[in-house]
PDB file of N, CA and C in Angstrom:
ATOM      1  N   GLU A   1     123.564  38.840 135.854  1.00  0.00           N
ATOM      2  CA  GLU A   1     122.494  37.939 136.229  1.00  0.00           C
ATOM      3  C   GLU A   1     122.814  37.365 137.600  1.00  0.00           C
ATOM      4  N   ILE A   2     121.833  37.373 138.476  1.00  0.00           N
ATOM      5  CA  ILE A   2     122.000  36.826 139.818  1.00  0.00           C
ATOM      6  C   ILE A   2     121.816  35.315 139.762  1.00  0.00           C
ATOM      7  N   ALA A   3     122.723  34.595 140.424  1.00  0.00           N
ATOM      8  CA  ALA A   3     122.663  33.133 140.444  1.00  0.00           C
ATOM      9  C   ALA A   3     122.865  32.666 141.876  1.00  0.00           C
ATOM     10  N   GLY A   4     121.777  32.392 142.571  1.00  0.00           N
ATOM     11  CA  GLY A   4     121.880  32.012 143.973  1.00  0.00           C
ATOM     12  C   GLY A   4     122.114  33.236 144.837  1.00  0.00           C
ATOM     13  N   GLU A   5     122.465  33.007 146.083  1.00  0.00           N
ATOM     14  CA  GLU A   5     122.627  34.121 147.023  1.00  0.00           C
ATOM     15  C   GLU A   5     124.030  34.716 147.041  1.00  0.00           C
ATOM     16  N   ASN A   6     125.001  34.022 146.493  1.00  0.00           N
ATOM     17  CA  ASN A   6     126.379  34.492 146.594  1.00  0.00           C
ATOM     18  C   ASN A   6     127.104  34.559 145.260  1.00  0.00           C
ATOM     19  N   LEU A   7     126.368  34.554 144.169  1.00  0.00           N
ATOM     20  CA  LEU A   7     127.021  34.495 142.862  1.00  0.00           C
ATOM     21  C   LEU A   7     126.317  35.388 141.848  1.00  0.00           C
ATOM     22  N   ILE A   8     127.133  36.058 141.045  1.00  0.00           N
ATOM     23  CA  ILE A   8     126.658  36.834 139.905  1.00  0.00           C
ATOM     24  C   ILE A   8     127.339  36.249 138.682  1.00  0.00           C
ATOM     25  N   VAL A   9     126.586  36.045 137.610  1.00  0.00           N
ATOM     26  CA  VAL A   9     127.141  35.538 136.363  1.00  0.00           C
ATOM     27  C   VAL A   9     127.016  36.641 135.317  1.00  0.00           C
ATOM     28  N   ALA A  10     128.149  37.016 134.724  1.00  0.00           N
ATOM     29  CA  ALA A  10     128.167  38.058 133.696  1.00  0.00           C
ATOM     30  C   ALA A  10     128.631  37.450 132.380  1.00  0.00           C
ATOM     31  N   LYS A  11     127.916  37.747 131.308  1.00  0.00           N
ATOM     32  CA  LYS A  11     128.274  37.255 129.975  1.00  0.00           C
ATOM     33  C   LYS A  11     128.937  38.393 129.197  1.00  0.00           C
ATOM     34  N   THR A  12     129.946  38.036 128.396  1.00  0.00           N
ATOM     35  CA  THR A  12     130.641  39.004 127.541  1.00  0.00           C
ATOM     36  C   THR A  12     130.695  38.452 126.124  1.00  0.00           C
ATOM     37  N   GLU A  13     131.213  39.244 125.227  1.00  0.00           N
ATOM     38  CA  GLU A  13     131.512  38.738 123.893  1.00  0.00           C
ATOM     39  C   GLU A  13     132.621  37.695 124.037  1.00  0.00           C
ATOM     40  N   THR A  14     132.665  36.733 123.146  1.00  0.00           N
ATOM     41  CA  THR A  14     133.684  35.684 123.187  1.00  0.00           C
ATOM     42  C   THR A  14     135.083  36.302 123.187  1.00  0.00           C
ATOM     43  N   GLY A  15     135.906  35.863 124.134  1.00  0.00           N
ATOM     44  CA  GLY A  15     137.283  36.321 124.232  1.00  0.00           C
ATOM     45  C   GLY A  15     137.492  37.550 125.105  1.00  0.00           C
ATOM     46  N   PHE A  16     136.430  38.150 125.605  1.00  0.00           N
ATOM     47  CA  PHE A  16     136.560  39.383 126.381  1.00  0.00           C
ATOM     48  C   PHE A  16     136.449  39.198 127.892  1.00  0.00           C
ATOM     49  N   ALA A  17     136.065  38.022 128.350  1.00  0.00           N
ATOM     50  CA  ALA A  17     135.801  37.832 129.777  1.00  0.00           C
ATOM     51  C   ALA A  17     137.020  38.132 130.647  1.00  0.00           C
ATOM     52  N   ALA A  18     138.195  37.707 130.252  1.00  0.00           N
ATOM     53  CA  ALA A  18     139.391  37.935 131.071  1.00  0.00           C
ATOM     54  C   ALA A  18     139.674  39.430 131.236  1.00  0.00           C
ATOM     55  N   ALA A  19     139.574  40.180 130.149  1.00  0.00           N
ATOM     56  CA  ALA A  19     139.829  41.623 130.211  1.00  0.00           C
ATOM     57  C   ALA A  19     138.787  42.334 131.070  1.00  0.00           C
ATOM     58  N   VAL A  20     137.533  41.953 130.918  1.00  0.00           N
ATOM     59  CA  VAL A  20     136.461  42.542 131.730  1.00  0.00           C
ATOM     60  C   VAL A  20     136.685  42.201 133.198  1.00  0.00           C
ATOM     61  N   CYS A  21     137.074  40.975 133.461  1.00  0.00           N
ATOM     62  CA  CYS A  21     137.316  40.528 134.826  1.00  0.00           C
ATOM     63  C   CYS A  21     138.460  41.318 135.474  1.00  0.00           C
ATOM     64  N   VAL A  22     139.509  41.574 134.729  1.00  0.00           N
ATOM     65  CA  VAL A  22     140.628  42.373 135.244  1.00  0.00           C
ATOM     66  C   VAL A  22     140.147  43.763 135.625  1.00  0.00           C
ATOM     67  N   ARG A  23     139.302  44.342 134.800  1.00  0.00           N
ATOM     68  CA  ARG A  23     138.778  45.680 135.094  1.00  0.00           C
ATOM     69  C   ARG A  23     137.924  45.660 136.369  1.00  0.00           C
ATOM     70  N   ILE A  24     137.124  44.631 136.528  1.00  0.00           N
ATOM     71  CA  ILE A  24     136.316  44.492 137.753  1.00  0.00           C
ATOM     72  C   ILE A  24     137.237  44.324 138.956  1.00  0.00           C
ATOM     73  N   ASP A  25     138.237  43.456 138.842  1.00  0.00           N
ATOM     74  CA  ASP A  25     139.180  43.234 139.953  1.00  0.00           C
ATOM     75  C   ASP A  25     139.930  44.512 140.311  1.00  0.00           C
ATOM     76  N   ASN A  26     140.335  45.280 139.319  1.00  0.00           N
ATOM     77  CA  ASN A  26     141.070  46.523 139.564  1.00  0.00           C
ATOM     78  C   ASN A  26     140.224  47.578 140.261  1.00  0.00           C
ATOM     79  N   ALA A  27     138.900  47.459 140.164  1.00  0.00           N
ATOM     80  CA  ALA A  27     138.012  48.402 140.846  1.00  0.00           C
ATOM     81  C   ALA A  27     138.012  48.179 142.364  1.00  0.00           C
ATOM     82  N   GLU A  28     138.531  47.032 142.810  1.00  0.00           N
ATOM     83  CA  GLU A  28     138.648  46.713 144.235  1.00  0.00           C
ATOM     84  C   GLU A  28     137.330  46.943 144.979  1.00  0.00           C
ATOM     85  N   ILE A  29     136.274  46.335 144.492  1.00  0.00           N
ATOM     86  CA  ILE A  29     134.964  46.428 145.121  1.00  0.00           C
ATOM     87  C   ILE A  29     134.970  45.525 146.356  1.00  0.00           C
ATOM     88  N   PRO A  30     134.833  46.094 147.555  1.00  0.00           N
ATOM     89  CA  PRO A  30     135.002  45.297 148.777  1.00  0.00           C
ATOM     90  C   PRO A  30     133.974  44.183 148.969  1.00  0.00           C
ATOM     91  N   GLU A  31     132.817  44.293 148.346  1.00  0.00           N
ATOM     92  CA  GLU A  31     131.780  43.271 148.489  1.00  0.00           C
ATOM     93  C   GLU A  31     132.068  42.016 147.661  1.00  0.00           C
ATOM     94  N   ILE A  32     133.060  42.093 146.772  1.00  0.00           N
ATOM     95  CA  ILE A  32     133.425  40.948 145.934  1.00  0.00           C
ATOM     96  C   ILE A  32     134.442  40.080 146.673  1.00  0.00           C
ATOM     97  N   VAL A  33     134.122  38.802 146.795  1.00  0.00           N
ATOM     98  CA  VAL A  33     135.017  37.848 147.436  1.00  0.00           C
ATOM     99  C   VAL A  33     136.049  37.351 146.424  1.00  0.00           C
ATOM    100  N   GLY A  34     135.623  37.134 145.177  1.00  0.00           N
ATOM    101  CA  GLY A  34     136.531  36.666 144.143  1.00  0.00           C
ATOM    102  C   GLY A  34     135.836  36.596 142.799  1.00  0.00           C
ATOM    103  N   THR A  35     136.643  36.467 141.741  1.00  0.00           N
ATOM    104  CA  THR A  35     136.108  36.373 140.382  1.00  0.00           C
ATOM    105  C   THR A  35     136.836  35.265 139.623  1.00  0.00           C
ATOM    106  N   ILE A  36     136.135  34.699 138.659  1.00  0.00           N
ATOM    107  CA  ILE A  36     136.721  33.702 137.762  1.00  0.00           C
ATOM    108  C   ILE A  36     136.219  34.019 136.358  1.00  0.00           C
ATOM    109  N   ALA A  37     137.128  34.046 135.391  1.00  0.00           N
ATOM    110  CA  ALA A  37     136.747  34.341 134.011  1.00  0.00           C
ATOM    111  C   ALA A  37     137.029  33.153 133.109  1.00  0.00           C
ATOM    112  N   GLY A  38     136.086  32.918 132.195  1.00  0.00           N
ATOM    113  CA  GLY A  38     136.283  31.944 131.127  1.00  0.00           C
ATOM    114  C   GLY A  38     136.458  32.701 129.826  1.00  0.00           C
ATOM    115  N   GLU A  39     135.962  32.168 128.739  1.00  0.00           N
ATOM    116  CA  GLU A  39     136.037  32.838 127.437  1.00  0.00           C
ATOM    117  C   GLU A  39     135.008  33.947 127.298  1.00  0.00           C
ATOM    118  N   ASP A  40     133.773  33.670 127.755  1.00  0.00           N
ATOM    119  CA  ASP A  40     132.698  34.653 127.604  1.00  0.00           C
ATOM    120  C   ASP A  40     131.819  34.758 128.849  1.00  0.00           C
ATOM    121  N   THR A  41     132.295  34.222 129.956  1.00  0.00           N
ATOM    122  CA  THR A  41     131.508  34.229 131.187  1.00  0.00           C
ATOM    123  C   THR A  41     132.393  34.564 132.376  1.00  0.00           C
ATOM    124  N   ILE A  42     131.851  35.367 133.283  1.00  0.00           N
ATOM    125  CA  ILE A  42     132.552  35.718 134.516  1.00  0.00           C
ATOM    126  C   ILE A  42     131.663  35.325 135.687  1.00  0.00           C
ATOM    127  N   PHE A  43     132.239  34.636 136.652  1.00  0.00           N
ATOM    128  CA  PHE A  43     131.552  34.335 137.901  1.00  0.00           C
ATOM    129  C   PHE A  43     132.102  35.299 138.946  1.00  0.00           C
ATOM    130  N   ILE A  44     131.206  36.004 139.619  1.00  0.00           N
ATOM    131  CA  ILE A  44     131.586  36.952 140.662  1.00  0.00           C
ATOM    132  C   ILE A  44     130.975  36.462 141.969  1.00  0.00           C
ATOM    133  N   ALA A  45     131.825  36.093 142.914  1.00  0.00           N
ATOM    134  CA  ALA A  45     131.364  35.632 144.221  1.00  0.00           C
ATOM    135  C   ALA A  45     131.276  36.830 145.164  1.00  0.00           C
ATOM    136  N   VAL A  46     130.143  36.921 145.875  1.00  0.00           N
ATOM    137  CA  VAL A  46     129.924  38.009 146.818  1.00  0.00           C
ATOM    138  C   VAL A  46     129.580  37.420 148.184  1.00  0.00           C
ATOM    139  N   ARG A  47     129.588  38.276 149.197  1.00  0.00           N
ATOM    140  CA  ARG A  47     129.347  37.804 150.554  1.00  0.00           C
ATOM    141  C   ARG A  47     127.902  37.340 150.783  1.00  0.00           C
ATOM    142  N   GLY A  48     126.942  37.981 150.164  1.00  0.00           N
ATOM    143  CA  GLY A  48     125.548  37.621 150.385  1.00  0.00           C
ATOM    144  C   GLY A  48     124.609  38.333 149.433  1.00  0.00           C
ATOM    145  N   GLN A  49     123.330  38.123 149.644  1.00  0.00           N
ATOM    146  CA  GLN A  49     122.304  38.657 148.750  1.00  0.00           C
ATOM    147  C   GLN A  49     122.298  40.185 148.725  1.00  0.00           C
ATOM    148  N   LYS A  50     122.479  40.811 149.868  1.00  0.00           N
ATOM    149  CA  LYS A  50     122.520  42.281 149.935  1.00  0.00           C
ATOM    150  C   LYS A  50     123.679  42.816 149.088  1.00  0.00           C
ATOM    151  N   GLU A  51     124.809  42.148 149.178  1.00  0.00           N
ATOM    152  CA  GLU A  51     125.994  42.588 148.433  1.00  0.00           C
ATOM    153  C   GLU A  51     125.825  42.400 146.929  1.00  0.00           C
ATOM    154  N   GLN A  52     125.005  41.440 146.513  1.00  0.00           N
ATOM    155  CA  GLN A  52     124.764  41.235 145.081  1.00  0.00           C
ATOM    156  C   GLN A  52     124.270  42.515 144.427  1.00  0.00           C
ATOM    157  N   ARG A  53     123.285  43.128 145.025  1.00  0.00           N
ATOM    158  CA  ARG A  53     122.703  44.360 144.460  1.00  0.00           C
ATOM    159  C   ARG A  53     123.745  45.470 144.389  1.00  0.00           C
ATOM    160  N   ILE A  54     124.541  45.590 145.447  1.00  0.00           N
ATOM    161  CA  ILE A  54     125.580  46.623 145.488  1.00  0.00           C
ATOM    162  C   ILE A  54     126.595  46.381 144.386  1.00  0.00           C
ATOM    163  N   VAL A  55     127.056  45.138 144.247  1.00  0.00           N
ATOM    164  CA  VAL A  55     128.064  44.798 143.243  1.00  0.00           C
ATOM    165  C   VAL A  55     127.523  45.011 141.830  1.00  0.00           C
ATOM    166  N   LEU A  56     126.298  44.587 141.573  1.00  0.00           N
ATOM    167  CA  LEU A  56     125.713  44.798 140.248  1.00  0.00           C
ATOM    168  C   LEU A  56     125.727  46.278 139.883  1.00  0.00           C
ATOM    169  N   LYS A  57     125.340  47.124 140.813  1.00  0.00           N
ATOM    170  CA  LYS A  57     125.324  48.568 140.570  1.00  0.00           C
ATOM    171  C   LYS A  57     126.736  49.097 140.292  1.00  0.00           C
ATOM    172  N   LYS A  58     127.698  48.684 141.114  1.00  0.00           N
ATOM    173  CA  LYS A  58     129.068  49.173 140.955  1.00  0.00           C
ATOM    174  C   LYS A  58     129.703  48.678 139.659  1.00  0.00           C
ATOM    175  N   VAL A  59     129.433  47.433 139.279  1.00  0.00           N
ATOM    176  CA  VAL A  59     129.996  46.902 138.028  1.00  0.00           C
ATOM    177  C   VAL A  59     129.416  47.658 136.830  1.00  0.00           C
ATOM    178  N   TRP A  60     128.101  47.905 136.838  1.00  0.00           N
ATOM    179  CA  TRP A  60     127.497  48.679 135.749  1.00  0.00           C
ATOM    180  C   TRP A  60     128.134  50.061 135.665  1.00  0.00           C
ATOM    181  N   GLU A  61     128.403  50.681 136.813  1.00  0.00           N
ATOM    182  CA  GLU A  61     129.018  52.017 136.841  1.00  0.00           C
ATOM    183  C   GLU A  61     130.407  52.001 136.210  1.00  0.00           C
ATOM    184  N   ILE A  62     131.161  50.940 136.427  1.00  0.00           N
ATOM    185  CA  ILE A  62     132.504  50.835 135.845  1.00  0.00           C
ATOM    186  C   ILE A  62     132.437  50.933 134.323  1.00  0.00           C
ATOM    187  N   PHE A  63     131.460  50.277 133.731  1.00  0.00           N
ATOM    188  CA  PHE A  63     131.404  50.180 132.272  1.00  0.00           C
ATOM    189  C   PHE A  63     130.523  51.251 131.630  1.00  0.00           C
ATOM    190  N   GLU A  64     129.885  52.089 132.418  1.00  0.00           N
ATOM    191  CA  GLU A  64     129.116  53.200 131.869  1.00  0.00           C
ATOM    192  C   GLU A  64     130.004  54.375 131.511  1.00  0.00           C
ATOM    193  N   LYS A  65     131.204  54.413 132.073  1.00  0.00           N
ATOM    194  CA  LYS A  65     132.120  55.551 131.872  1.00  0.00           C
ATOM    195  C   LYS A  65     132.656  55.577 130.474  1.00  0.00           C
TER     196      LYS A  65
END
């Protein structure tokens, strides 16, 4: 879910956010500035609105495999 111009919010099952976040971080997506994980929510900071679309696509690709 897009939240503002520089943030993506991703929801997971309870307890899975940290593991999902590690997988996103390990993908080394250059458009991602940083990530923060809670219990079931991940905040993904990106450089701008254009990068949001790119990151959303790349994150979906990671988990489609």
